[in-house]
Protein backbone atom coordinates (compact mmCIF):
# COMPACT_ATOMS: atom_id res chain seq x y z
CA UNK A 1 -36.73 -4.54 -30.58
CA UNK A 2 -34.89 -2.83 -33.40
CA UNK A 3 -31.64 -4.71 -33.15
CA UNK A 4 -30.21 -2.30 -30.57
CA UNK A 5 -32.32 -2.79 -27.45
CA UNK A 6 -35.05 -4.95 -26.00
CA UNK A 7 -37.72 -2.96 -24.19
CA UNK A 8 -40.13 -5.75 -23.29
CA UNK A 9 -40.89 -9.33 -24.13
CA UNK A 10 -44.23 -11.13 -24.15
CA UNK A 11 -44.25 -14.35 -22.12
CA UNK A 12 -46.59 -17.17 -21.22
CA UNK A 13 -46.79 -18.75 -17.74
CA UNK A 14 -47.03 -22.48 -17.18
CA UNK A 15 -50.75 -21.96 -16.40
CA UNK A 16 -51.26 -20.21 -19.76
CA UNK A 17 -51.43 -16.61 -18.48
CA UNK A 18 -49.99 -14.01 -20.87
CA UNK A 19 -47.77 -11.27 -19.51
CA UNK A 20 -45.22 -8.68 -20.63
CA UNK A 21 -41.72 -8.84 -19.12
CA UNK A 22 -39.82 -5.59 -18.81
CA UNK A 23 -36.26 -5.45 -17.45
CA UNK A 24 -33.12 -3.33 -17.64
CA UNK A 25 -31.02 -6.35 -18.62
CA UNK A 26 -31.86 -9.64 -20.27
CA UNK A 27 -29.77 -12.81 -20.31
CA UNK A 28 -29.81 -15.28 -23.13
CA UNK A 29 -28.82 -18.53 -21.35
CA UNK A 30 -29.61 -21.43 -23.66
CA UNK A 31 -26.15 -23.01 -23.89
CA UNK A 32 -23.34 -22.18 -26.24
CA UNK A 33 -24.75 -23.71 -29.42
CA UNK A 34 -28.34 -22.59 -28.83
CA UNK A 35 -27.36 -19.00 -27.95
CA UNK A 36 -25.49 -18.65 -31.20
CA UNK A 37 -28.29 -20.39 -33.14
CA UNK A 38 -30.99 -18.09 -31.73
CA UNK A 39 -28.97 -14.95 -32.39
CA UNK A 40 -28.23 -16.01 -35.96
CA UNK A 41 -31.87 -16.97 -36.56
CA UNK A 42 -32.91 -13.37 -35.69
CA UNK A 43 -32.12 -12.36 -39.28
CA UNK A 44 -35.48 -10.67 -39.73
CA UNK A 45 -34.69 -8.32 -36.82
CA UNK A 46 -31.14 -7.49 -37.90
CA UNK A 47 -29.62 -8.76 -41.18
CA UNK A 48 -27.04 -11.39 -40.28
CA UNK A 49 -28.46 -11.90 -36.80
CA UNK A 50 -28.51 -9.94 -33.52
CA UNK A 51 -25.02 -9.06 -32.31
CA UNK A 52 -23.44 -10.36 -35.50
CA UNK A 53 -22.42 -7.12 -37.21
CA UNK A 54 -18.85 -8.45 -37.50
CA UNK A 55 -19.82 -12.05 -38.37
CA UNK A 56 -18.39 -13.39 -35.08
CA UNK A 57 -21.42 -14.98 -33.39
CA UNK A 58 -20.67 -18.63 -32.87
CA UNK A 59 -17.42 -18.34 -34.84
CA UNK A 60 -15.07 -19.45 -32.05
CA UNK A 61 -17.25 -22.11 -30.47
CA UNK A 62 -15.35 -25.26 -29.51
CA UNK A 63 -16.90 -28.41 -28.17
CA UNK A 64 -14.70 -30.58 -26.04
CA UNK A 65 -15.83 -34.14 -26.77
CA UNK A 66 -16.45 -36.17 -23.66
CA UNK A 67 -18.03 -39.44 -22.83
CA UNK A 68 -18.09 -42.06 -20.11
CA UNK A 69 -15.48 -44.73 -20.77
CA UNK A 70 -16.11 -46.93 -17.77
CA UNK A 71 -18.53 -47.69 -14.96
CA UNK A 72 -17.10 -49.15 -11.78
CA UNK A 73 -19.12 -51.08 -9.25
CA UNK A 74 -17.42 -52.15 -6.02
CA UNK A 75 -18.33 -53.65 -2.68
CA UNK A 76 -16.18 -51.01 -0.98
CA UNK A 77 -16.69 -47.54 -2.53
CA UNK A 78 -14.70 -45.92 0.28
CA UNK A 79 -11.71 -48.09 -0.41
CA UNK A 80 -11.93 -47.42 -4.12
CA UNK A 81 -12.19 -43.67 -3.48
CA UNK A 82 -9.18 -43.84 -1.17
CA UNK A 83 -7.01 -44.90 -4.10
CA UNK A 84 -7.72 -41.57 -5.87
CA UNK A 85 -8.39 -39.28 -2.88
CA UNK A 86 -4.88 -37.93 -2.47
CA UNK A 87 -4.47 -37.04 -6.16
CA UNK A 88 -8.01 -35.62 -6.38
CA UNK A 89 -7.59 -33.30 -3.42
CA UNK A 90 -4.12 -32.23 -4.54
CA UNK A 91 -5.63 -31.19 -7.84
CA UNK A 92 -8.57 -29.28 -6.30
CA UNK A 93 -6.80 -27.83 -3.29
CA UNK A 94 -3.01 -27.72 -3.83
CA UNK A 95 -2.44 -26.13 -0.43
CA UNK A 96 -4.86 -28.34 1.54
CA UNK A 97 -4.30 -31.89 2.61
CA UNK A 98 -7.13 -34.42 2.24
CA UNK A 99 -7.25 -35.17 5.96
CA UNK A 100 -8.22 -31.57 6.70
CA UNK A 101 -11.64 -31.83 5.11
CA UNK A 102 -14.75 -32.76 7.05
CA UNK A 103 -16.33 -34.85 4.26
CA UNK A 104 -13.47 -37.14 3.34
CA UNK A 105 -14.24 -40.81 2.82
CA UNK A 106 -12.37 -43.22 5.04
CA UNK A 107 -11.99 -46.95 4.72
CA UNK A 108 -10.42 -49.70 6.79
CA UNK A 109 -9.59 -51.52 3.56
CA UNK A 110 -7.21 -48.78 2.52
CA UNK A 111 -3.40 -49.21 2.57
């Protein structure tokens, strides 16, 4: 690799066998933060990191904070789901009605 193309890549199998991988296209799929980190750490291959000629790698990354705020346990999961089913399906399938799906949850405890 000279910063422009990747011709082959040495690899190691789970059993410890060494091999050379050759492909027309390679995908770096390590997640948003790790992709940028690996490209920027390749400074010895290309000054500034691979693909970073314009100092843009990782520049526009945004993390959307998320966390679990509640855990609900109920004797009647179907009844609980029925409270949200109509809104959930309307959000996912604006043109479909919840009663048209084969996997809907039904409950006798529902309104």
